[in-house]
PDB file of N, CA and C in Angstrom:
ATOM      1  N   SER A   1     -25.308 -22.239  22.568  1.00  0.00           N
ATOM      2  CA  SER A   1     -26.352 -22.365  21.562  1.00  0.00           C
ATOM      3  C   SER A   1     -27.655 -21.717  22.042  1.00  0.00           C
ATOM      4  N   MET A   2     -27.794 -21.602  23.344  1.00  0.00           N
ATOM      5  CA  MET A   2     -29.021 -21.044  23.898  1.00  0.00           C
ATOM      6  C   MET A   2     -29.192 -19.565  23.536  1.00  0.00           C
ATOM      7  N   PHE A   3     -28.083 -18.862  23.379  1.00  0.00           N
ATOM      8  CA  PHE A   3     -28.136 -17.427  23.135  1.00  0.00           C
ATOM      9  C   PHE A   3     -27.938 -17.076  21.665  1.00  0.00           C
ATOM     10  N   GLU A   4     -27.780 -18.072  20.828  1.00  0.00           N
ATOM     11  CA  GLU A   4     -27.601 -17.819  19.398  1.00  0.00           C
ATOM     12  C   GLU A   4     -28.788 -17.079  18.773  1.00  0.00           C
ATOM     13  N   PRO A   5     -30.042 -17.424  19.112  1.00  0.00           N
ATOM     14  CA  PRO A   5     -31.157 -16.657  18.533  1.00  0.00           C
ATOM     15  C   PRO A   5     -31.089 -15.162  18.848  1.00  0.00           C
ATOM     16  N   LEU A   6     -30.634 -14.821  20.032  1.00  0.00           N
ATOM     17  CA  LEU A   6     -30.493 -13.400  20.376  1.00  0.00           C
ATOM     18  C   LEU A   6     -29.421 -12.744  19.515  1.00  0.00           C
ATOM     19  N   LYS A   7     -28.296 -13.444  19.354  1.00  0.00           N
ATOM     20  CA  LYS A   7     -27.214 -12.906  18.529  1.00  0.00           C
ATOM     21  C   LYS A   7     -27.667 -12.763  17.081  1.00  0.00           C
ATOM     22  N   GLU A   8     -28.423 -13.736  16.598  1.00  0.00           N
ATOM     23  CA  GLU A   8     -28.921 -13.668  15.222  1.00  0.00           C
ATOM     24  C   GLU A   8     -29.908 -12.517  15.047  1.00  0.00           C
ATOM     25  N   THR A   9     -30.725 -12.271  16.051  1.00  0.00           N
ATOM     26  CA  THR A   9     -31.677 -11.163  15.988  1.00  0.00           C
ATOM     27  C   THR A   9     -30.943  -9.829  15.932  1.00  0.00           C
ATOM     28  N   VAL A  10     -29.908  -9.684  16.749  1.00  0.00           N
ATOM     29  CA  VAL A  10     -29.122  -8.451  16.737  1.00  0.00           C
ATOM     30  C   VAL A  10     -28.444  -8.285  15.376  1.00  0.00           C
ATOM     31  N   ALA A  11     -27.917  -9.382  14.823  1.00  0.00           N
ATOM     32  CA  ALA A  11     -27.289  -9.315  13.499  1.00  0.00           C
ATOM     33  C   ALA A  11     -28.308  -8.939  12.425  1.00  0.00           C
ATOM     34  N   LEU A  12     -29.501  -9.497  12.515  1.00  0.00           N
ATOM     35  CA  LEU A  12     -30.546  -9.189  11.549  1.00  0.00           C
ATOM     36  C   LEU A  12     -30.938  -7.710  11.629  1.00  0.00           C
ATOM     37  N   LEU A  13     -31.091  -7.226  12.840  1.00  0.00           N
ATOM     38  CA  LEU A  13     -31.411  -5.808  13.018  1.00  0.00           C
ATOM     39  C   LEU A  13     -30.310  -4.925  12.434  1.00  0.00           C
ATOM     40  N   SER A  14     -29.059  -5.357  12.583  1.00  0.00           N
ATOM     41  CA  SER A  14     -27.938  -4.589  12.039  1.00  0.00           C
ATOM     42  C   SER A  14     -28.004  -4.521  10.525  1.00  0.00           C
ATOM     43  N   THR A  15     -28.439  -5.603   9.885  1.00  0.00           N
ATOM     44  CA  THR A  15     -28.532  -5.588   8.416  1.00  0.00           C
ATOM     45  C   THR A  15     -29.592  -4.606   7.939  1.00  0.00           C
ATOM     46  N   TYR A  16     -30.551  -4.291   8.783  1.00  0.00           N
ATOM     47  CA  TYR A  16     -31.598  -3.325   8.436  1.00  0.00           C
ATOM     48  C   TYR A  16     -31.307  -1.932   8.995  1.00  0.00           C
ATOM     49  N   GLY A  17     -30.064  -1.735   9.444  1.00  0.00           N
ATOM     50  CA  GLY A  17     -29.659  -0.413   9.886  1.00  0.00           C
ATOM     51  C   GLY A  17     -30.007  -0.070  11.319  1.00  0.00           C
ATOM     52  N   GLN A  18     -30.488  -1.029  12.077  1.00  0.00           N
ATOM     53  CA  GLN A  18     -30.830  -0.798  13.482  1.00  0.00           C
ATOM     54  C   GLN A  18     -29.676  -1.288  14.356  1.00  0.00           C
ATOM     55  N   GLU A  19     -28.768  -0.397  14.657  1.00  0.00           N
ATOM     56  CA  GLU A  19     -27.597  -0.776  15.448  1.00  0.00           C
ATOM     57  C   GLU A  19     -27.934  -0.786  16.938  1.00  0.00           C
ATOM     58  N   MET A  20     -27.414  -1.767  17.619  1.00  0.00           N
ATOM     59  CA  MET A  20     -27.585  -1.880  19.060  1.00  0.00           C
ATOM     60  C   MET A  20     -26.395  -1.191  19.740  1.00  0.00           C
ATOM     61  N   PRO A  21     -26.606  -0.699  20.948  1.00  0.00           N
ATOM     62  CA  PRO A  21     -25.483  -0.097  21.682  1.00  0.00           C
ATOM     63  C   PRO A  21     -24.387  -1.138  21.942  1.00  0.00           C
ATOM     64  N   GLU A  22     -23.180  -0.655  22.105  1.00  0.00           N
ATOM     65  CA  GLU A  22     -22.038  -1.543  22.357  1.00  0.00           C
ATOM     66  C   GLU A  22     -22.268  -2.380  23.616  1.00  0.00           C
ATOM     67  N   GLU A  23     -22.981  -1.824  24.578  1.00  0.00           N
ATOM     68  CA  GLU A  23     -23.284  -2.540  25.826  1.00  0.00           C
ATOM     69  C   GLU A  23     -24.041  -3.848  25.540  1.00  0.00           C
ATOM     70  N   ILE A  24     -24.949  -3.826  24.588  1.00  0.00           N
ATOM     71  CA  ILE A  24     -25.712  -5.023  24.215  1.00  0.00           C
ATOM     72  C   ILE A  24     -24.777  -6.087  23.654  1.00  0.00           C
ATOM     73  N   HIS A  25     -23.854  -5.666  22.791  1.00  0.00           N
ATOM     74  CA  HIS A  25     -22.908  -6.610  22.204  1.00  0.00           C
ATOM     75  C   HIS A  25     -22.013  -7.224  23.278  1.00  0.00           C
ATOM     76  N   LEU A  26     -21.588  -6.411  24.237  1.00  0.00           N
ATOM     77  CA  LEU A  26     -20.761  -6.930  25.336  1.00  0.00           C
ATOM     78  C   LEU A  26     -21.545  -7.913  26.190  1.00  0.00           C
ATOM     79  N   GLN A  27     -22.791  -7.589  26.472  1.00  0.00           N
ATOM     80  CA  GLN A  27     -23.623  -8.485  27.275  1.00  0.00           C
ATOM     81  C   GLN A  27     -23.842  -9.807  26.555  1.00  0.00           C
ATOM     82  N   LEU A  28     -24.098  -9.758  25.257  1.00  0.00           N
ATOM     83  CA  LEU A  28     -24.287 -10.999  24.497  1.00  0.00           C
ATOM     84  C   LEU A  28     -23.016 -11.838  24.473  1.00  0.00           C
ATOM     85  N   HIS A  29     -21.881 -11.165  24.495  1.00  0.00           N
ATOM     86  CA  HIS A  29     -20.606 -11.891  24.510  1.00  0.00           C
ATOM     87  C   HIS A  29     -20.367 -12.549  25.872  1.00  0.00           C
ATOM     88  N   GLU A  30     -20.741 -11.860  26.953  1.00  0.00           N
ATOM     89  CA  GLU A  30     -20.486 -12.350  28.309  1.00  0.00           C
ATOM     90  C   GLU A  30     -21.594 -13.249  28.847  1.00  0.00           C
ATOM     91  N   LEU A  31     -22.752 -13.205  28.241  1.00  0.00           N
ATOM     92  CA  LEU A  31     -23.924 -13.923  28.755  1.00  0.00           C
ATOM     93  C   LEU A  31     -23.707 -15.425  28.916  1.00  0.00           C
ATOM     94  N   PRO A  32     -23.142 -16.136  27.947  1.00  0.00           N
ATOM     95  CA  PRO A  32     -22.948 -17.584  28.138  1.00  0.00           C
ATOM     96  C   PRO A  32     -22.065 -17.916  29.347  1.00  0.00           C
ATOM     97  N   GLU A  33     -21.041 -17.108  29.573  1.00  0.00           N
ATOM     98  CA  GLU A  33     -20.164 -17.331  30.722  1.00  0.00           C
ATOM     99  C   GLU A  33     -20.912 -17.122  32.037  1.00  0.00           C
ATOM    100  N   HIS A  34     -21.713 -16.063  32.098  1.00  0.00           N
ATOM    101  CA  HIS A  34     -22.501 -15.804  33.308  1.00  0.00           C
ATOM    102  C   HIS A  34     -23.525 -16.917  33.535  1.00  0.00           C
ATOM    103  N   TRP A  35     -24.119 -17.407  32.470  1.00  0.00           N
ATOM    104  CA  TRP A  35     -25.105 -18.472  32.582  1.00  0.00           C
ATOM    105  C   TRP A  35     -24.455 -19.738  33.122  1.00  0.00           C
ATOM    106  N   ASP A  36     -23.247 -20.069  32.636  1.00  0.00           N
ATOM    107  CA  ASP A  36     -22.534 -21.250  33.129  1.00  0.00           C
ATOM    108  C   ASP A  36     -22.213 -21.115  34.610  1.00  0.00           C
ATOM    109  N   SER A  37     -21.785 -19.932  35.037  1.00  0.00           N
ATOM    110  CA  SER A  37     -21.476 -19.748  36.460  1.00  0.00           C
ATOM    111  C   SER A  37     -22.740 -19.830  37.311  1.00  0.00           C
ATOM    112  N   THR A  38     -23.863 -19.372  36.789  1.00  0.00           N
ATOM    113  CA  THR A  38     -25.136 -19.480  37.515  1.00  0.00           C
ATOM    114  C   THR A  38     -25.545 -20.939  37.671  1.00  0.00           C
ATOM    115  N   LYS A  39     -25.364 -21.728  36.602  1.00  0.00           N
ATOM    116  CA  LYS A  39     -25.706 -23.154  36.684  1.00  0.00           C
ATOM    117  C   LYS A  39     -24.805 -23.874  37.688  1.00  0.00           C
ATOM    118  N   LYS A  40     -23.514 -23.518  37.717  1.00  0.00           N
ATOM    119  CA  LYS A  40     -22.592 -24.132  38.675  1.00  0.00           C
ATOM    120  C   LYS A  40     -22.983 -23.773  40.105  1.00  0.00           C
ATOM    121  N   LEU A  41     -23.360 -22.521  40.318  1.00  0.00           N
ATOM    122  CA  LEU A  41     -23.805 -22.093  41.643  1.00  0.00           C
ATOM    123  C   LEU A  41     -25.047 -22.861  42.066  1.00  0.00           C
ATOM    124  N   CYS A  42     -25.971 -23.049  41.137  1.00  0.00           N
ATOM    125  CA  CYS A  42     -27.195 -23.799  41.420  1.00  0.00           C
ATOM    126  C   CYS A  42     -26.870 -25.223  41.844  1.00  0.00           C
ATOM    127  N   LEU A  43     -25.945 -25.861  41.156  1.00  0.00           N
ATOM    128  CA  LEU A  43     -25.561 -27.231  41.506  1.00  0.00           C
ATOM    129  C   LEU A  43     -24.908 -27.292  42.881  1.00  0.00           C
ATOM    130  N   ARG A  44     -24.060 -26.300  43.186  1.00  0.00           N
ATOM    131  CA  ARG A  44     -23.419 -26.288  44.512  1.00  0.00           C
ATOM    132  C   ARG A  44     -24.450 -26.121  45.621  1.00  0.00           C
ATOM    133  N   VAL A  45     -25.405 -25.236  45.417  1.00  0.00           N
ATOM    134  CA  VAL A  45     -26.456 -25.017  46.422  1.00  0.00           C
ATOM    135  C   VAL A  45     -27.280 -26.285  46.581  1.00  0.00           C
ATOM    136  N   LYS A  46     -27.601 -26.923  45.467  1.00  0.00           N
ATOM    137  CA  LYS A  46     -28.390 -28.157  45.516  1.00  0.00           C
ATOM    138  C   LYS A  46     -27.653 -29.239  46.307  1.00  0.00           C
ATOM    139  N   GLN A  47     -26.346 -29.343  46.099  1.00  0.00           N
ATOM    140  CA  GLN A  47     -25.557 -30.330  46.841  1.00  0.00           C
ATOM    141  C   GLN A  47     -25.501 -29.995  48.325  1.00  0.00           C
ATOM    142  N   ASN A  48     -25.419 -28.721  48.652  1.00  0.00           N
ATOM    143  CA  ASN A  48     -25.362 -28.323  50.058  1.00  0.00           C
ATOM    144  C   ASN A  48     -26.702 -28.516  50.762  1.00  0.00           C
ATOM    145  N   VAL A  49     -27.778 -28.376  50.040  1.00  0.00           N
ATOM    146  CA  VAL A  49     -29.113 -28.464  50.633  1.00  0.00           C
ATOM    147  C   VAL A  49     -29.598 -29.916  50.718  1.00  0.00           C
ATOM    148  N   ALA A  50     -29.086 -30.794  49.876  1.00  0.00           N
ATOM    149  CA  ALA A  50     -29.560 -32.185  49.826  1.00  0.00           C
ATOM    150  C   ALA A  50     -29.533 -32.870  51.193  1.00  0.00           C
ATOM    151  N   PRO A  51     -28.444 -32.788  51.966  1.00  0.00           N
ATOM    152  CA  PRO A  51     -28.470 -33.434  53.294  1.00  0.00           C
ATOM    153  C   PRO A  51     -29.531 -32.842  54.227  1.00  0.00           C
ATOM    154  N   LEU A  52     -29.733 -31.543  54.138  1.00  0.00           N
ATOM    155  CA  LEU A  52     -30.752 -30.915  54.981  1.00  0.00           C
ATOM    156  C   LEU A  52     -32.150 -31.398  54.596  1.00  0.00           C
ATOM    157  N   GLN A  53     -32.390 -31.542  53.305  1.00  0.00           N
ATOM    158  CA  GLN A  53     -33.686 -32.047  52.849  1.00  0.00           C
ATOM    159  C   GLN A  53     -33.886 -33.489  53.293  1.00  0.00           C
ATOM    160  N   ALA A  54     -32.831 -34.290  53.231  1.00  0.00           N
ATOM    161  CA  ALA A  54     -32.936 -35.684  53.655  1.00  0.00           C
ATOM    162  C   ALA A  54     -33.241 -35.768  55.146  1.00  0.00           C
ATOM    163  N   ASN A  55     -32.589 -34.941  55.934  1.00  0.00           N
ATOM    164  CA  ASN A  55     -32.844 -34.922  57.376  1.00  0.00           C
ATOM    165  C   ASN A  55     -34.291 -34.520  57.675  1.00  0.00           C
ATOM    166  N   GLU A  56     -34.772 -33.525  56.967  1.00  0.00           N
ATOM    167  CA  GLU A  56     -36.148 -33.072  57.174  1.00  0.00           C
ATOM    168  C   GLU A  56     -37.145 -34.153  56.761  1.00  0.00           C
ATOM    169  N   ALA A  57     -36.858 -34.835  55.654  1.00  0.00           N
ATOM    170  CA  ALA A  57     -37.736 -35.924  55.205  1.00  0.00           C
ATOM    171  C   ALA A  57     -37.768 -37.034  56.240  1.00  0.00           C
ATOM    172  N   ASN A  58     -36.632 -37.362  56.819  1.00  0.00           N
ATOM    173  CA  ASN A  58     -36.583 -38.394  57.862  1.00  0.00           C
ATOM    174  C   ASN A  58     -37.371 -37.961  59.092  1.00  0.00           C
ATOM    175  N   ALA A  59     -37.264 -36.705  59.470  1.00  0.00           N
ATOM    176  CA  ALA A  59     -37.995 -36.209  60.628  1.00  0.00           C
ATOM    177  C   ALA A  59     -39.504 -36.276  60.385  1.00  0.00           C
ATOM    178  N   ILE A  60     -39.917 -35.952  59.188  1.00  0.00           N
ATOM    179  CA  ILE A  60     -41.353 -36.032  58.856  1.00  0.00           C
ATOM    180  C   ILE A  60     -41.833 -37.470  58.864  1.00  0.00           C
ATOM    181  N   ARG A  61     -41.011 -38.388  58.319  1.00  0.00           N
ATOM    182  CA  ARG A  61     -41.386 -39.813  58.349  1.00  0.00           C
ATOM    183  C   ARG A  61     -41.568 -40.314  59.776  1.00  0.00           C
ATOM    184  N   LYS A  62     -40.659 -39.930  60.661  1.00  0.00           N
ATOM    185  CA  LYS A  62     -40.739 -40.348  62.064  1.00  0.00           C
ATOM    186  C   LYS A  62     -42.004 -39.813  62.728  1.00  0.00           C
ATOM    187  N   LYS A  63     -42.366 -38.578  62.425  1.00  0.00           N
ATOM    188  CA  LYS A  63     -43.570 -37.980  62.995  1.00  0.00           C
ATOM    189  C   LYS A  63     -44.818 -38.709  62.484  1.00  0.00           C
ATOM    190  N   CYS A  64     -44.780 -39.124  61.214  1.00  0.00           N
ATOM    191  CA  CYS A  64     -45.946 -39.809  60.625  1.00  0.00           C
ATOM    192  C   CYS A  64     -46.111 -41.208  61.214  1.00  0.00           C
ATOM    193  N   GLN A  65     -45.021 -41.837  61.587  1.00  0.00           N
ATOM    194  CA  GLN A  65     -45.094 -43.197  62.127  1.00  0.00           C
ATOM    195  C   GLN A  65     -45.445 -43.123  63.576  1.00  0.00           C
TER     196      GLN A  65
END
């Protein structure tokens, strides 16, 4: 649903005779899949970094005390 406005804009431009290159149509078709994989990668990185952040927070707490 996030990319629907872009698709609608391209469709609207097409109704007025402004055709987009085929590459644009392919990108709009593949974009949601790429976005999902980016979000999954972000979650994996966040999970991998969480223990390191916790360790650093503990080290800072110890220094403050």
